[in-house]
Structures are given as structure tokens and as C-alpha cells.
Amino acid sequence: MNRLLAETDHQMDDLESSTRRSAISHLRAAVAARKADFAFGTLDNKDEDNVYRNDLAEVVKPRRPVSGPVRRERPAEGAPAPLKLVPAQRIDADAPARTAPVRPRRVATAAVPVAVAPVDGGFANFAAEMGAVKLPELLEAAAAYMSFVEGLDQFSRPQLMNTVRQVEKEEFSREDGLRSFGQLLRTGKIHKLDGGRFRASKDIGYQPDNRAAG
């Protein structure tokens, strides 16, 4: 009997649950009652041991795991929701594309040289009377004609070239015109002024006075 009580005390020391402590207290009371029955001869040792073992097994049987609140699993996160744009940022496929206003392009126009208006029988007759035939001769004659016949104090290179083109039967190249014009400058037949202007010198040929003297 003492061994059983000692085992009961040992089991009670190991239990932490208040419910089990209460059950063991009831077991101790049952042991005391059975001890009294044994003292009065109502139970033999074998029956007392079986009853105590059953009570002890009921008290110390493994506890059922306490089930806590069922945790609901979070639904698996699927694909992220598509990004929605505000109307100001949305570009509709069916919306007509915005077209920038068409601005007229500026067309670069080359400077058109001012040509001297041809005079009926003017420079053509003058060149024929002076005997100017080749391009260098025609350029010098044109400079004399604009200076002494038309009375121009100065003229531009395009004006001189256009005057020659009035009588030149074959179109001359720009390089040939510049070469002959540079020769007039080097020989001092014409002088260069500011602003791309020129004037005939006193040494230029094909002057009207020379024609009258001839």
C-alpha cells in the first residue's frame, strides 16, 4: 500500500495540469477508501491492486492532443492583378493616332543675281562693233559697256556674267567665268570695292571713246 501511495505522489509531482491534479486527488481519496475497505476485510490484496491499477491507468493515460483553433490556410497567391492605367495614361488601340500639324517646309532659295535688262541692240551691237568674241573679251567689253554706256559707277559679278550671257551663243561654265573674271582683276582692268561690288578702271579696253576714235 505504501508503494502505491509513493507512486501516486510521484505521478502527482510530474503532472502540471490542474485537471490531472484534481483527478489524482480523487485517486488518493479512492485509495484511502480502499485502504479502509481492506482494513475492514471487504477487499483482498489482489482485488485492491487491480482496482487501483485501473484508477491509476485512467488518470495517467496519455492526454489527447488539444486541438487549437483551426487555422485556415491562406489561398495561394495567384498571378498579380493586371496594372490598370488612369484614362490619361491609357492608350486605346482603336483610338486614332494623333498626328502633329504639318508645317510647311521652308525651301531655301538661292540668291538670284540681278540682271541688267537687255536693251534692243544694246550690248550685242556694242560687242559686235568692238570685235569682242571670246569669253575674256566679252567680259571686259561688258564691264566697259555698263560703266561708260549705261553709266553705272559699280556693278556686281553676277550682273557682269548675265550681260555676257545675252550674246554668248554657247553656255560657258562657272569655272571659265570665274577664271576670266579673275584675269580682269589681276590685270587691273576692274577694281574690287566693298560689299562684293566692282568698277571699271581707266585701263579697261573697249571704251566708247576708243571706238569713236577708230
N, C-alpha and C. Protein backbone atom coordinates (compact mmCIF):
# COMPACT_ATOMS: atom_id res chain seq x y z
N MET A 1 0.83 -1.21 0.00
CA MET A 1 0.00 0.00 0.00
C MET A 1 0.86 1.26 0.00
N ASN A 2 1.91 1.23 0.82
CA ASN A 2 2.81 2.39 0.86
C ASN A 2 3.47 2.63 -0.50
N ARG A 3 3.80 1.53 -1.19
CA ARG A 3 4.41 1.66 -2.51
C ARG A 3 3.47 2.33 -3.49
N LEU A 4 2.22 1.98 -3.42
CA LEU A 4 1.22 2.58 -4.30
C LEU A 4 1.04 4.06 -4.01
N LEU A 5 1.04 4.41 -2.73
CA LEU A 5 0.92 5.84 -2.37
C LEU A 5 2.13 6.63 -2.84
N ALA A 6 3.31 6.01 -2.68
CA ALA A 6 4.52 6.71 -3.14
C ALA A 6 4.49 6.93 -4.65
N GLU A 7 4.02 5.92 -5.37
CA GLU A 7 3.92 6.07 -6.83
C GLU A 7 2.91 7.14 -7.20
N THR A 8 1.83 7.21 -6.43
CA THR A 8 0.81 8.24 -6.69
C THR A 8 1.39 9.63 -6.48
N ASP A 9 2.13 9.79 -5.38
CA ASP A 9 2.76 11.10 -5.12
C ASP A 9 3.73 11.47 -6.23
N HIS A 10 4.47 10.44 -6.68
CA HIS A 10 5.44 10.71 -7.76
C HIS A 10 4.73 11.16 -9.04
N GLN A 11 3.65 10.49 -9.38
CA GLN A 11 2.89 10.88 -10.57
C GLN A 11 2.29 12.27 -10.41
N MET A 12 1.89 12.60 -9.19
CA MET A 12 1.29 13.92 -8.97
C MET A 12 2.31 15.03 -9.11
N ASP A 13 3.55 14.73 -8.68
CA ASP A 13 4.60 15.75 -8.82
C ASP A 13 4.93 16.02 -10.28
N ASP A 14 4.79 15.01 -11.13
CA ASP A 14 5.16 15.20 -12.55
C ASP A 14 4.04 15.86 -13.36
N LEU A 15 2.85 15.86 -12.87
CA LEU A 15 1.73 16.43 -13.64
C LEU A 15 1.67 17.93 -13.46
N GLU A 16 1.39 18.62 -14.51
CA GLU A 16 1.30 20.09 -14.47
C GLU A 16 -0.12 20.58 -14.66
N SER A 17 -0.94 19.76 -15.19
CA SER A 17 -2.29 20.21 -15.48
C SER A 17 -3.14 20.17 -14.21
N SER A 18 -3.90 21.19 -14.02
CA SER A 18 -4.79 21.24 -12.86
C SER A 18 -5.84 20.15 -12.91
N THR A 19 -6.23 19.78 -14.14
CA THR A 19 -7.23 18.72 -14.29
C THR A 19 -6.69 17.40 -13.77
N ARG A 20 -5.43 17.14 -14.09
CA ARG A 20 -4.83 15.89 -13.61
C ARG A 20 -4.61 15.93 -12.10
N ARG A 21 -4.28 17.10 -11.58
CA ARG A 21 -4.13 17.18 -10.13
C ARG A 21 -5.44 16.84 -9.42
N SER A 22 -6.51 17.33 -10.00
CA SER A 22 -7.82 17.04 -9.40
C SER A 22 -8.14 15.55 -9.48
N ALA A 23 -7.78 14.94 -10.62
CA ALA A 23 -8.04 13.50 -10.75
C ALA A 23 -7.22 12.69 -9.77
N ILE A 24 -5.98 13.12 -9.56
CA ILE A 24 -5.12 12.40 -8.62
C ILE A 24 -5.63 12.56 -7.19
N SER A 25 -6.16 13.75 -6.93
CA SER A 25 -6.74 13.94 -5.59
C SER A 25 -7.89 12.96 -5.36
N HIS A 26 -8.71 12.82 -6.41
CA HIS A 26 -9.79 11.84 -6.30
C HIS A 26 -9.23 10.43 -6.15
N LEU A 27 -8.10 10.16 -6.82
CA LEU A 27 -7.49 8.85 -6.71
C LEU A 27 -6.98 8.59 -5.30
N ARG A 28 -6.41 9.61 -4.72
CA ARG A 28 -5.94 9.45 -3.33
C ARG A 28 -7.10 9.14 -2.40
N ALA A 29 -8.20 9.82 -2.69
CA ALA A 29 -9.38 9.54 -1.85
C ALA A 29 -9.86 8.11 -2.05
N ALA A 30 -9.78 7.67 -3.34
CA ALA A 30 -10.20 6.30 -3.62
C ALA A 30 -9.26 5.29 -2.94
N VAL A 31 -7.97 5.62 -2.94
CA VAL A 31 -7.00 4.73 -2.29
C VAL A 31 -7.29 4.64 -0.79
N ALA A 32 -7.58 5.81 -0.23
CA ALA A 32 -7.88 5.80 1.21
C ALA A 32 -9.13 4.98 1.50
N ALA A 33 -10.12 5.11 0.58
CA ALA A 33 -11.36 4.34 0.79
C ALA A 33 -11.09 2.85 0.68
N ARG A 34 -10.27 2.51 -0.33
CA ARG A 34 -9.97 1.10 -0.49
C ARG A 34 -9.08 0.57 0.66
N LYS A 35 -8.29 1.48 1.18
CA LYS A 35 -7.50 1.09 2.35
C LYS A 35 -8.40 0.78 3.54
N ALA A 36 -9.45 1.59 3.64
CA ALA A 36 -10.41 1.33 4.74
C ALA A 36 -11.14 0.01 4.51
N ASP A 37 -11.51 -0.23 3.21
CA ASP A 37 -12.18 -1.49 2.90
C ASP A 37 -11.28 -2.67 3.22
N PHE A 38 -10.00 -2.50 2.92
CA PHE A 38 -9.06 -3.58 3.22
C PHE A 38 -8.93 -3.80 4.72
N ALA A 39 -8.99 -2.68 5.45
CA ALA A 39 -8.89 -2.81 6.91
C ALA A 39 -10.10 -3.54 7.50
N PHE A 40 -11.24 -3.30 6.86
CA PHE A 40 -12.44 -3.97 7.35
C PHE A 40 -12.62 -5.35 6.73
N GLY A 41 -11.72 -5.77 5.83
CA GLY A 41 -11.78 -7.10 5.26
C GLY A 41 -12.71 -7.25 4.10
N THR A 42 -13.17 -6.14 3.51
CA THR A 42 -14.08 -6.24 2.37
C THR A 42 -13.36 -6.53 1.07
N LEU A 43 -12.04 -6.23 0.94
CA LEU A 43 -11.24 -6.48 -0.26
C LEU A 43 -9.98 -7.21 0.12
N ASP A 44 -9.57 -8.13 -0.73
CA ASP A 44 -8.28 -8.76 -0.52
C ASP A 44 -7.21 -7.97 -1.27
N ASN A 45 -5.99 -8.36 -1.11
CA ASN A 45 -4.88 -7.60 -1.73
C ASN A 45 -4.94 -7.63 -3.24
N LYS A 46 -5.34 -8.74 -3.82
CA LYS A 46 -5.37 -8.85 -5.29
C LYS A 46 -6.42 -7.95 -5.88
N ASP A 47 -7.60 -7.95 -5.30
CA ASP A 47 -8.68 -7.08 -5.82
C ASP A 47 -8.31 -5.61 -5.66
N GLU A 48 -7.71 -5.27 -4.51
CA GLU A 48 -7.34 -3.87 -4.25
C GLU A 48 -6.31 -3.39 -5.26
N ASP A 49 -5.35 -4.27 -5.60
CA ASP A 49 -4.33 -3.87 -6.58
C ASP A 49 -4.93 -3.67 -7.95
N ASN A 50 -5.86 -4.52 -8.36
CA ASN A 50 -6.47 -4.37 -9.69
C ASN A 50 -7.28 -3.09 -9.79
N VAL A 51 -8.06 -2.82 -8.73
CA VAL A 51 -8.87 -1.58 -8.75
C VAL A 51 -7.98 -0.36 -8.80
N TYR A 52 -6.90 -0.37 -8.03
CA TYR A 52 -6.01 0.79 -8.01
C TYR A 52 -5.32 0.97 -9.35
N ARG A 53 -4.90 -0.13 -9.96
CA ARG A 53 -4.23 -0.02 -11.25
C ARG A 53 -5.18 0.55 -12.31
N ASN A 54 -6.42 0.14 -12.27
CA ASN A 54 -7.40 0.68 -13.23
C ASN A 54 -7.59 2.18 -13.04
N ASP A 55 -7.73 2.58 -11.74
CA ASP A 55 -7.89 4.02 -11.47
C ASP A 55 -6.65 4.80 -11.89
N LEU A 56 -5.49 4.21 -11.59
CA LEU A 56 -4.24 4.92 -11.94
C LEU A 56 -4.07 5.00 -13.45
N ALA A 57 -4.42 3.94 -14.15
CA ALA A 57 -4.30 3.98 -15.62
C ALA A 57 -5.24 5.00 -16.22
N GLU A 58 -6.42 5.17 -15.60
CA GLU A 58 -7.37 6.16 -16.12
C GLU A 58 -6.85 7.58 -15.95
N VAL A 59 -6.13 7.78 -14.81
CA VAL A 59 -5.64 9.13 -14.52
C VAL A 59 -4.44 9.48 -15.38
N VAL A 60 -3.49 8.55 -15.51
CA VAL A 60 -2.22 8.87 -16.17
C VAL A 60 -2.20 8.48 -17.62
N LYS A 61 -3.36 8.11 -18.21
CA LYS A 61 -3.34 7.76 -19.62
C LYS A 61 -2.97 8.98 -20.46
N PRO A 62 -2.35 8.75 -21.56
CA PRO A 62 -1.91 9.90 -22.39
C PRO A 62 -3.07 10.80 -22.74
N ARG A 63 -2.79 12.09 -22.63
CA ARG A 63 -3.81 13.07 -22.98
C ARG A 63 -3.96 13.17 -24.48
N ARG A 64 -5.18 13.40 -24.85
CA ARG A 64 -5.41 13.69 -26.26
C ARG A 64 -4.86 15.07 -26.61
N PRO A 65 -4.24 15.14 -27.68
CA PRO A 65 -3.71 16.48 -28.05
C PRO A 65 -4.84 17.48 -28.17
N VAL A 66 -4.63 18.58 -27.49
CA VAL A 66 -5.63 19.65 -27.52
C VAL A 66 -5.58 20.31 -28.88
N SER A 67 -6.68 20.25 -29.50
CA SER A 67 -6.73 20.86 -30.84
C SER A 67 -7.06 22.32 -30.72
N GLY A 68 -6.18 23.12 -31.21
CA GLY A 68 -6.40 24.55 -31.18
C GLY A 68 -7.34 24.97 -32.29
N PRO A 69 -7.56 26.24 -32.36
CA PRO A 69 -8.44 26.74 -33.44
C PRO A 69 -7.85 26.40 -34.80
N VAL A 70 -8.73 25.93 -35.63
CA VAL A 70 -8.30 25.52 -36.97
C VAL A 70 -7.83 26.74 -37.75
N ARG A 71 -6.60 26.66 -38.17
CA ARG A 71 -6.04 27.77 -38.96
C ARG A 71 -6.37 27.54 -40.43
N ARG A 72 -6.99 28.51 -40.96
CA ARG A 72 -7.32 28.44 -42.38
C ARG A 72 -6.11 28.85 -43.21
N GLU A 73 -5.81 27.98 -44.11
CA GLU A 73 -4.69 28.30 -44.98
C GLU A 73 -5.05 29.45 -45.91
N ARG A 74 -4.11 30.34 -46.02
CA ARG A 74 -4.32 31.47 -46.92
C ARG A 74 -4.33 30.97 -48.36
N PRO A 75 -5.25 31.44 -49.10
CA PRO A 75 -5.28 30.99 -50.51
C PRO A 75 -3.98 31.35 -51.20
N ALA A 76 -3.54 30.42 -52.01
CA ALA A 76 -2.29 30.66 -52.74
C ALA A 76 -2.43 31.89 -53.60
N GLU A 77 -1.41 32.71 -53.48
CA GLU A 77 -1.45 33.93 -54.27
C GLU A 77 -1.25 33.61 -55.74
N GLY A 78 -2.20 34.02 -56.50
CA GLY A 78 -2.10 33.78 -57.93
C GLY A 78 -1.29 34.87 -58.62
N ALA A 79 -1.47 34.94 -59.87
CA ALA A 79 -0.77 35.98 -60.64
C ALA A 79 -1.25 37.35 -60.19
N PRO A 80 -0.36 38.33 -60.11
CA PRO A 80 -0.78 39.68 -59.71
C PRO A 80 -1.80 40.25 -60.67
N ALA A 81 -2.68 41.04 -60.07
CA ALA A 81 -3.73 41.65 -60.90
C ALA A 81 -3.10 42.56 -61.94
N PRO A 82 -3.66 42.61 -63.11
CA PRO A 82 -3.09 43.48 -64.16
C PRO A 82 -3.13 44.94 -63.74
N LEU A 83 -2.08 45.64 -64.12
CA LEU A 83 -1.96 47.06 -63.80
C LEU A 83 -2.95 47.85 -64.62
N LYS A 84 -3.72 48.66 -63.92
CA LYS A 84 -4.71 49.49 -64.60
C LYS A 84 -4.19 50.92 -64.66
N LEU A 85 -4.26 51.48 -65.81
CA LEU A 85 -3.80 52.86 -66.01
C LEU A 85 -4.99 53.80 -65.90
N VAL A 86 -4.67 54.99 -65.45
CA VAL A 86 -5.70 56.02 -65.43
C VAL A 86 -6.00 56.43 -66.86
N PRO A 87 -7.17 56.99 -67.12
CA PRO A 87 -7.52 57.35 -68.51
C PRO A 87 -6.49 58.22 -69.20
N ALA A 88 -5.82 59.09 -68.39
CA ALA A 88 -4.85 59.99 -69.04
C ALA A 88 -3.64 59.25 -69.55
N GLN A 89 -3.34 58.05 -68.93
CA GLN A 89 -2.16 57.29 -69.35
C GLN A 89 -2.49 56.15 -70.29
N ARG A 90 -3.78 55.84 -70.46
CA ARG A 90 -4.15 54.69 -71.29
C ARG A 90 -4.11 55.07 -72.75
N ILE A 91 -3.62 54.16 -73.54
CA ILE A 91 -3.58 54.34 -75.00
C ILE A 91 -4.46 53.27 -75.60
N ASP A 92 -5.59 53.66 -76.10
CA ASP A 92 -6.51 52.71 -76.71
C ASP A 92 -6.03 52.33 -78.09
N ALA A 93 -6.11 51.02 -78.37
CA ALA A 93 -5.64 50.56 -79.69
C ALA A 93 -6.51 51.10 -80.81
N ASP A 94 -7.82 51.27 -80.50
CA ASP A 94 -8.72 51.74 -81.55
C ASP A 94 -8.71 53.25 -81.71
N ALA A 95 -8.06 53.95 -80.75
CA ALA A 95 -8.08 55.40 -80.85
C ALA A 95 -7.22 55.86 -82.01
N PRO A 96 -7.66 56.83 -82.75
CA PRO A 96 -6.85 57.30 -83.88
C PRO A 96 -5.57 57.96 -83.40
N ALA A 97 -4.50 57.67 -84.07
CA ALA A 97 -3.21 58.23 -83.69
C ALA A 97 -3.21 59.73 -83.92
N ARG A 98 -2.62 60.42 -82.94
CA ARG A 98 -2.52 61.87 -83.06
C ARG A 98 -1.46 62.23 -84.08
N THR A 99 -1.82 63.06 -84.92
CA THR A 99 -0.87 63.50 -85.95
C THR A 99 -0.51 64.94 -85.69
N ALA A 100 0.77 65.20 -85.69
CA ALA A 100 1.23 66.56 -85.48
C ALA A 100 0.86 67.41 -86.68
N PRO A 101 0.53 68.65 -86.42
CA PRO A 101 0.19 69.52 -87.55
C PRO A 101 1.35 69.63 -88.52
N VAL A 102 1.02 69.51 -89.77
CA VAL A 102 2.04 69.56 -90.81
C VAL A 102 2.41 71.01 -91.04
N ARG A 103 3.67 71.27 -90.85
CA ARG A 103 4.16 72.62 -91.07
C ARG A 103 4.85 72.70 -92.42
N PRO A 104 4.56 73.71 -93.14
CA PRO A 104 5.22 73.83 -94.46
C PRO A 104 6.71 74.00 -94.30
N ARG A 105 7.44 73.28 -95.10
CA ARG A 105 8.90 73.36 -95.07
C ARG A 105 9.36 74.59 -95.83
N ARG A 106 10.36 75.17 -95.23
CA ARG A 106 10.94 76.33 -95.90
C ARG A 106 11.89 75.85 -96.99
N VAL A 107 11.65 76.31 -98.14
CA VAL A 107 12.50 75.94 -99.27
C VAL A 107 13.55 77.02 -99.44
N ALA A 108 14.80 76.59 -99.30
CA ALA A 108 15.89 77.55 -99.45
C ALA A 108 16.00 77.97 -100.91
N THR A 109 15.94 79.22 -101.09
CA THR A 109 16.05 79.76 -102.45
C THR A 109 17.40 80.42 -102.62
N ALA A 110 18.05 80.05 -103.64
CA ALA A 110 19.35 80.66 -103.93
C ALA A 110 19.14 82.10 -104.38
N ALA A 111 20.11 82.89 -104.01
CA ALA A 111 20.03 84.30 -104.39
C ALA A 111 20.10 84.43 -105.91
N VAL A 112 19.10 85.06 -106.43
CA VAL A 112 19.05 85.25 -107.88
C VAL A 112 19.77 86.55 -108.22
N PRO A 113 20.81 86.45 -108.97
CA PRO A 113 21.52 87.68 -109.34
C PRO A 113 20.64 88.63 -110.14
N VAL A 114 20.81 89.88 -109.83
CA VAL A 114 20.05 90.91 -110.54
C VAL A 114 20.69 91.15 -111.89
N ALA A 115 19.94 90.90 -112.89
CA ALA A 115 20.46 91.07 -114.25
C ALA A 115 20.06 92.42 -114.81
N VAL A 116 20.94 92.96 -115.62
CA VAL A 116 20.65 94.23 -116.28
C VAL A 116 19.68 93.96 -117.42
N ALA A 117 18.62 94.69 -117.45
CA ALA A 117 17.64 94.49 -118.51
C ALA A 117 18.28 94.73 -119.87
N PRO A 118 18.12 93.75 -120.75
CA PRO A 118 18.75 93.91 -122.07
C PRO A 118 18.12 95.05 -122.88
N VAL A 119 18.93 95.74 -123.58
CA VAL A 119 18.48 96.83 -124.44
C VAL A 119 18.51 96.33 -125.88
N ASP A 120 17.45 96.61 -126.62
CA ASP A 120 17.39 96.16 -128.02
C ASP A 120 18.62 96.66 -128.77
N GLY A 121 19.39 95.65 -129.21
CA GLY A 121 20.60 96.00 -129.95
C GLY A 121 21.64 96.65 -129.09
N GLY A 122 21.49 96.56 -127.71
CA GLY A 122 22.42 97.22 -126.81
C GLY A 122 23.79 96.59 -126.81
N PHE A 123 24.04 95.71 -125.83
CA PHE A 123 25.37 95.14 -125.67
C PHE A 123 25.72 94.23 -126.85
N ALA A 124 24.77 93.59 -127.46
CA ALA A 124 25.07 92.72 -128.61
C ALA A 124 25.70 93.53 -129.74
N ASN A 125 25.10 94.69 -130.07
CA ASN A 125 25.69 95.55 -131.11
C ASN A 125 27.02 96.11 -130.66
N PHE A 126 27.10 96.47 -129.33
CA PHE A 126 28.34 97.02 -128.79
C PHE A 126 29.47 96.00 -128.91
N ALA A 127 29.22 94.75 -128.52
CA ALA A 127 30.26 93.72 -128.60
C ALA A 127 30.65 93.44 -130.04
N ALA A 128 29.65 93.46 -130.93
CA ALA A 128 29.97 93.20 -132.35
C ALA A 128 30.81 94.32 -132.92
N GLU A 129 30.48 95.57 -132.60
CA GLU A 129 31.26 96.70 -133.11
C GLU A 129 32.68 96.70 -132.53
N MET A 130 32.81 96.26 -131.22
CA MET A 130 34.13 96.23 -130.59
C MET A 130 34.94 95.01 -131.00
N GLY A 131 34.30 94.04 -131.62
CA GLY A 131 35.02 92.85 -132.04
C GLY A 131 35.28 91.88 -130.90
N ALA A 132 34.48 91.94 -129.82
CA ALA A 132 34.64 91.01 -128.71
C ALA A 132 33.90 89.72 -129.03
N VAL A 133 34.66 88.63 -129.04
CA VAL A 133 34.07 87.34 -129.43
C VAL A 133 34.25 86.29 -128.33
N LYS A 134 35.48 86.13 -127.83
CA LYS A 134 35.76 85.12 -126.82
C LYS A 134 35.29 85.58 -125.43
N LEU A 135 35.23 84.65 -124.51
CA LEU A 135 34.69 84.94 -123.18
C LEU A 135 35.47 86.02 -122.45
N PRO A 136 36.82 85.98 -122.39
CA PRO A 136 37.53 87.06 -121.72
C PRO A 136 37.27 88.42 -122.36
N GLU A 137 37.16 88.45 -123.70
CA GLU A 137 36.89 89.70 -124.40
C GLU A 137 35.48 90.20 -124.09
N LEU A 138 34.52 89.30 -124.06
CA LEU A 138 33.14 89.69 -123.78
C LEU A 138 32.99 90.22 -122.36
N LEU A 139 33.70 89.63 -121.39
CA LEU A 139 33.61 90.12 -120.01
C LEU A 139 34.18 91.53 -119.90
N GLU A 140 35.30 91.77 -120.54
CA GLU A 140 35.89 93.11 -120.49
C GLU A 140 35.01 94.11 -121.20
N ALA A 141 34.43 93.71 -122.34
CA ALA A 141 33.54 94.60 -123.08
C ALA A 141 32.27 94.88 -122.29
N ALA A 142 31.77 93.89 -121.57
CA ALA A 142 30.57 94.10 -120.75
C ALA A 142 30.85 95.07 -119.63
N ALA A 143 32.04 94.99 -118.99
CA ALA A 143 32.38 95.93 -117.93
C ALA A 143 32.46 97.35 -118.47
N ALA A 144 33.04 97.51 -119.65
CA ALA A 144 33.11 98.84 -120.26
C ALA A 144 31.73 99.34 -120.65
N TYR A 145 30.90 98.46 -121.16
CA TYR A 145 29.56 98.86 -121.60
C TYR A 145 28.73 99.35 -120.41
N MET A 146 28.74 98.61 -119.26
CA MET A 146 27.94 99.02 -118.10
C MET A 146 28.48 100.30 -117.48
N SER A 147 29.80 100.49 -117.55
CA SER A 147 30.38 101.67 -116.91
C SER A 147 30.26 102.92 -117.78
N PHE A 148 30.51 102.80 -119.09
CA PHE A 148 30.58 104.01 -119.93
C PHE A 148 29.32 104.23 -120.76
N VAL A 149 28.60 103.17 -121.08
CA VAL A 149 27.38 103.34 -121.87
C VAL A 149 26.17 103.47 -120.96
N GLU A 150 26.04 102.54 -120.00
CA GLU A 150 24.89 102.60 -119.09
C GLU A 150 25.13 103.54 -117.93
N GLY A 151 26.37 103.93 -117.69
CA GLY A 151 26.67 104.91 -116.65
C GLY A 151 26.63 104.37 -115.23
N LEU A 152 26.92 103.11 -115.05
CA LEU A 152 26.94 102.53 -113.70
C LEU A 152 28.29 102.79 -113.05
N ASP A 153 28.27 103.32 -111.83
CA ASP A 153 29.52 103.55 -111.11
C ASP A 153 30.13 102.23 -110.63
N GLN A 154 29.30 101.26 -110.36
CA GLN A 154 29.79 99.97 -109.87
C GLN A 154 28.80 98.88 -110.28
N PHE A 155 29.27 97.67 -110.25
CA PHE A 155 28.44 96.53 -110.65
C PHE A 155 28.92 95.30 -109.89
N SER A 156 28.07 94.27 -109.90
CA SER A 156 28.42 93.02 -109.23
C SER A 156 28.88 92.00 -110.27
N ARG A 157 29.53 90.98 -109.80
CA ARG A 157 29.97 89.92 -110.70
C ARG A 157 28.80 89.24 -111.39
N PRO A 158 27.66 88.91 -110.67
CA PRO A 158 26.53 88.31 -111.38
C PRO A 158 25.98 89.22 -112.48
N GLN A 159 25.96 90.53 -112.24
CA GLN A 159 25.49 91.44 -113.29
C GLN A 159 26.36 91.35 -114.54
N LEU A 160 27.66 91.29 -114.33
CA LEU A 160 28.58 91.20 -115.46
C LEU A 160 28.39 89.89 -116.22
N MET A 161 28.23 88.79 -115.50
CA MET A 161 28.04 87.49 -116.15
C MET A 161 26.74 87.45 -116.94
N ASN A 162 25.67 88.00 -116.38
CA ASN A 162 24.38 87.98 -117.08
C ASN A 162 24.40 88.85 -118.34
N THR A 163 25.17 89.92 -118.30
CA THR A 163 25.29 90.75 -119.50
C THR A 163 25.98 89.99 -120.63
N VAL A 164 27.01 89.22 -120.26
CA VAL A 164 27.71 88.43 -121.27
C VAL A 164 26.81 87.34 -121.82
N ARG A 165 25.95 86.76 -120.99
CA ARG A 165 25.08 85.66 -121.45
C ARG A 165 24.05 86.14 -122.48
N GLN A 166 23.85 87.43 -122.60
CA GLN A 166 22.90 87.93 -123.60
C GLN A 166 23.39 87.70 -125.02
N VAL A 167 24.70 87.64 -125.19
CA VAL A 167 25.25 87.50 -126.54
C VAL A 167 26.05 86.21 -126.72
N GLU A 168 26.39 85.55 -125.63
CA GLU A 168 27.18 84.32 -125.72
C GLU A 168 26.29 83.21 -126.26
N LYS A 169 26.67 82.68 -127.41
CA LYS A 169 25.87 81.64 -128.04
C LYS A 169 26.04 80.31 -127.31
N GLU A 170 27.23 80.00 -126.87
CA GLU A 170 27.49 78.76 -126.16
C GLU A 170 27.57 79.05 -124.65
N GLU A 171 26.85 78.24 -123.88
CA GLU A 171 26.85 78.41 -122.43
C GLU A 171 28.24 78.10 -121.88
N PHE A 172 28.80 79.03 -121.12
CA PHE A 172 30.12 78.82 -120.53
C PHE A 172 29.93 78.34 -119.09
N SER A 173 30.93 77.61 -118.61
CA SER A 173 30.86 77.06 -117.25
C SER A 173 31.19 78.12 -116.23
N ARG A 174 30.83 77.84 -115.01
CA ARG A 174 31.10 78.78 -113.92
C ARG A 174 32.59 78.92 -113.71
N GLU A 175 33.32 77.83 -113.85
CA GLU A 175 34.77 77.89 -113.67
C GLU A 175 35.43 78.78 -114.72
N ASP A 176 34.97 78.67 -115.97
CA ASP A 176 35.53 79.52 -117.02
C ASP A 176 35.21 80.99 -116.76
N GLY A 177 34.00 81.25 -116.29
CA GLY A 177 33.64 82.64 -116.00
C GLY A 177 34.47 83.22 -114.88
N LEU A 178 34.68 82.42 -113.79
CA LEU A 178 35.49 82.90 -112.68
C LEU A 178 36.94 83.10 -113.09
N ARG A 179 37.44 82.23 -113.94
CA ARG A 179 38.83 82.35 -114.39
C ARG A 179 39.03 83.65 -115.19
N SER A 180 38.12 83.92 -116.10
CA SER A 180 38.25 85.15 -116.92
C SER A 180 38.01 86.39 -116.07
N PHE A 181 37.10 86.29 -115.11
CA PHE A 181 36.85 87.43 -114.23
C PHE A 181 38.07 87.71 -113.36
N GLY A 182 38.72 86.67 -112.85
CA GLY A 182 39.93 86.88 -112.06
C GLY A 182 41.06 87.49 -112.88
N GLN A 183 41.09 87.17 -114.16
CA GLN A 183 42.13 87.76 -115.02
C GLN A 183 41.94 89.27 -115.14
N LEU A 184 40.67 89.73 -115.21
CA LEU A 184 40.41 91.17 -115.25
C LEU A 184 40.89 91.86 -113.98
N LEU A 185 40.72 91.17 -112.84
CA LEU A 185 41.19 91.76 -111.58
C LEU A 185 42.71 91.81 -111.53
N ARG A 186 43.39 90.76 -111.97
CA ARG A 186 44.84 90.72 -111.90
C ARG A 186 45.50 91.74 -112.84
N THR A 187 44.89 91.96 -113.96
CA THR A 187 45.47 92.92 -114.91
C THR A 187 45.06 94.36 -114.61
N GLY A 188 44.25 94.56 -113.58
CA GLY A 188 43.86 95.92 -113.21
C GLY A 188 42.80 96.52 -114.11
N LYS A 189 42.08 95.69 -114.89
CA LYS A 189 41.02 96.22 -115.74
C LYS A 189 39.78 96.61 -114.92
N ILE A 190 39.58 95.93 -113.81
CA ILE A 190 38.49 96.28 -112.88
C ILE A 190 39.07 96.29 -111.48
N HIS A 191 38.43 97.02 -110.59
CA HIS A 191 38.85 97.14 -109.19
C HIS A 191 37.71 96.64 -108.28
N LYS A 192 38.13 96.02 -107.22
CA LYS A 192 37.16 95.49 -106.26
C LYS A 192 36.82 96.54 -105.23
N LEU A 193 35.54 96.67 -104.91
CA LEU A 193 35.04 97.58 -103.89
C LEU A 193 34.48 96.77 -102.73
N ASP A 194 33.95 97.46 -101.72
CA ASP A 194 33.34 96.77 -100.57
C ASP A 194 31.98 96.18 -100.96
N GLY A 195 31.59 95.13 -100.23
CA GLY A 195 30.27 94.54 -100.45
C GLY A 195 30.14 93.75 -101.73
N GLY A 196 31.26 93.22 -102.25
CA GLY A 196 31.18 92.42 -103.47
C GLY A 196 30.85 93.22 -104.71
N ARG A 197 31.21 94.46 -104.71
CA ARG A 197 30.96 95.31 -105.88
C ARG A 197 32.29 95.60 -106.58
N PHE A 198 32.19 95.96 -107.88
CA PHE A 198 33.38 96.23 -108.71
C PHE A 198 33.09 97.45 -109.60
N ARG A 199 34.17 98.00 -110.11
CA ARG A 199 34.04 99.10 -111.08
C ARG A 199 35.18 99.01 -112.09
N ALA A 200 34.92 99.54 -113.26
CA ALA A 200 35.93 99.50 -114.33
C ALA A 200 37.00 100.56 -114.08
N SER A 201 38.23 100.21 -114.43
CA SER A 201 39.34 101.16 -114.29
C SER A 201 39.53 101.92 -115.61
N LYS A 202 40.39 102.91 -115.56
CA LYS A 202 40.66 103.69 -116.76
C LYS A 202 41.46 102.89 -117.78
N ASP A 203 42.04 101.77 -117.35
CA ASP A 203 42.84 100.95 -118.26
C ASP A 203 42.01 99.90 -118.99
N ILE A 204 40.73 99.85 -118.75
CA ILE A 204 39.92 98.82 -119.38
C ILE A 204 39.77 99.12 -120.87
N GLY A 205 39.72 98.07 -121.64
CA GLY A 205 39.56 98.25 -123.08
C GLY A 205 38.09 98.35 -123.47
N TYR A 206 37.88 98.48 -124.79
CA TYR A 206 36.54 98.55 -125.37
C TYR A 206 35.74 99.76 -124.85
N GLN A 207 36.45 100.87 -124.64
CA GLN A 207 35.75 102.06 -124.23
C GLN A 207 35.12 102.74 -125.45
N PRO A 208 33.97 103.39 -125.29
CA PRO A 208 33.31 104.04 -126.45
C PRO A 208 34.18 105.09 -127.12
N ASP A 209 34.99 105.79 -126.35
CA ASP A 209 35.84 106.79 -126.96
C ASP A 209 36.83 106.14 -127.92
N ASN A 210 37.33 104.98 -127.57
CA ASN A 210 38.25 104.29 -128.47
C ASN A 210 37.54 103.86 -129.75
N ARG A 211 36.26 103.50 -129.64
CA ARG A 211 35.50 103.11 -130.82
C ARG A 211 35.29 104.31 -131.74
N ALA A 212 35.00 105.49 -131.12
CA ALA A 212 34.79 106.70 -131.94
C ALA A 212 36.08 107.11 -132.62
N ALA A 213 37.19 106.95 -131.88
CA ALA A 213 38.47 107.32 -132.47
C ALA A 213 38.83 106.39 -133.60
N GLY A 214 38.44 105.12 -133.47
CA GLY A 214 38.76 104.18 -134.53
C GLY A 214 37.94 104.45 -135.74
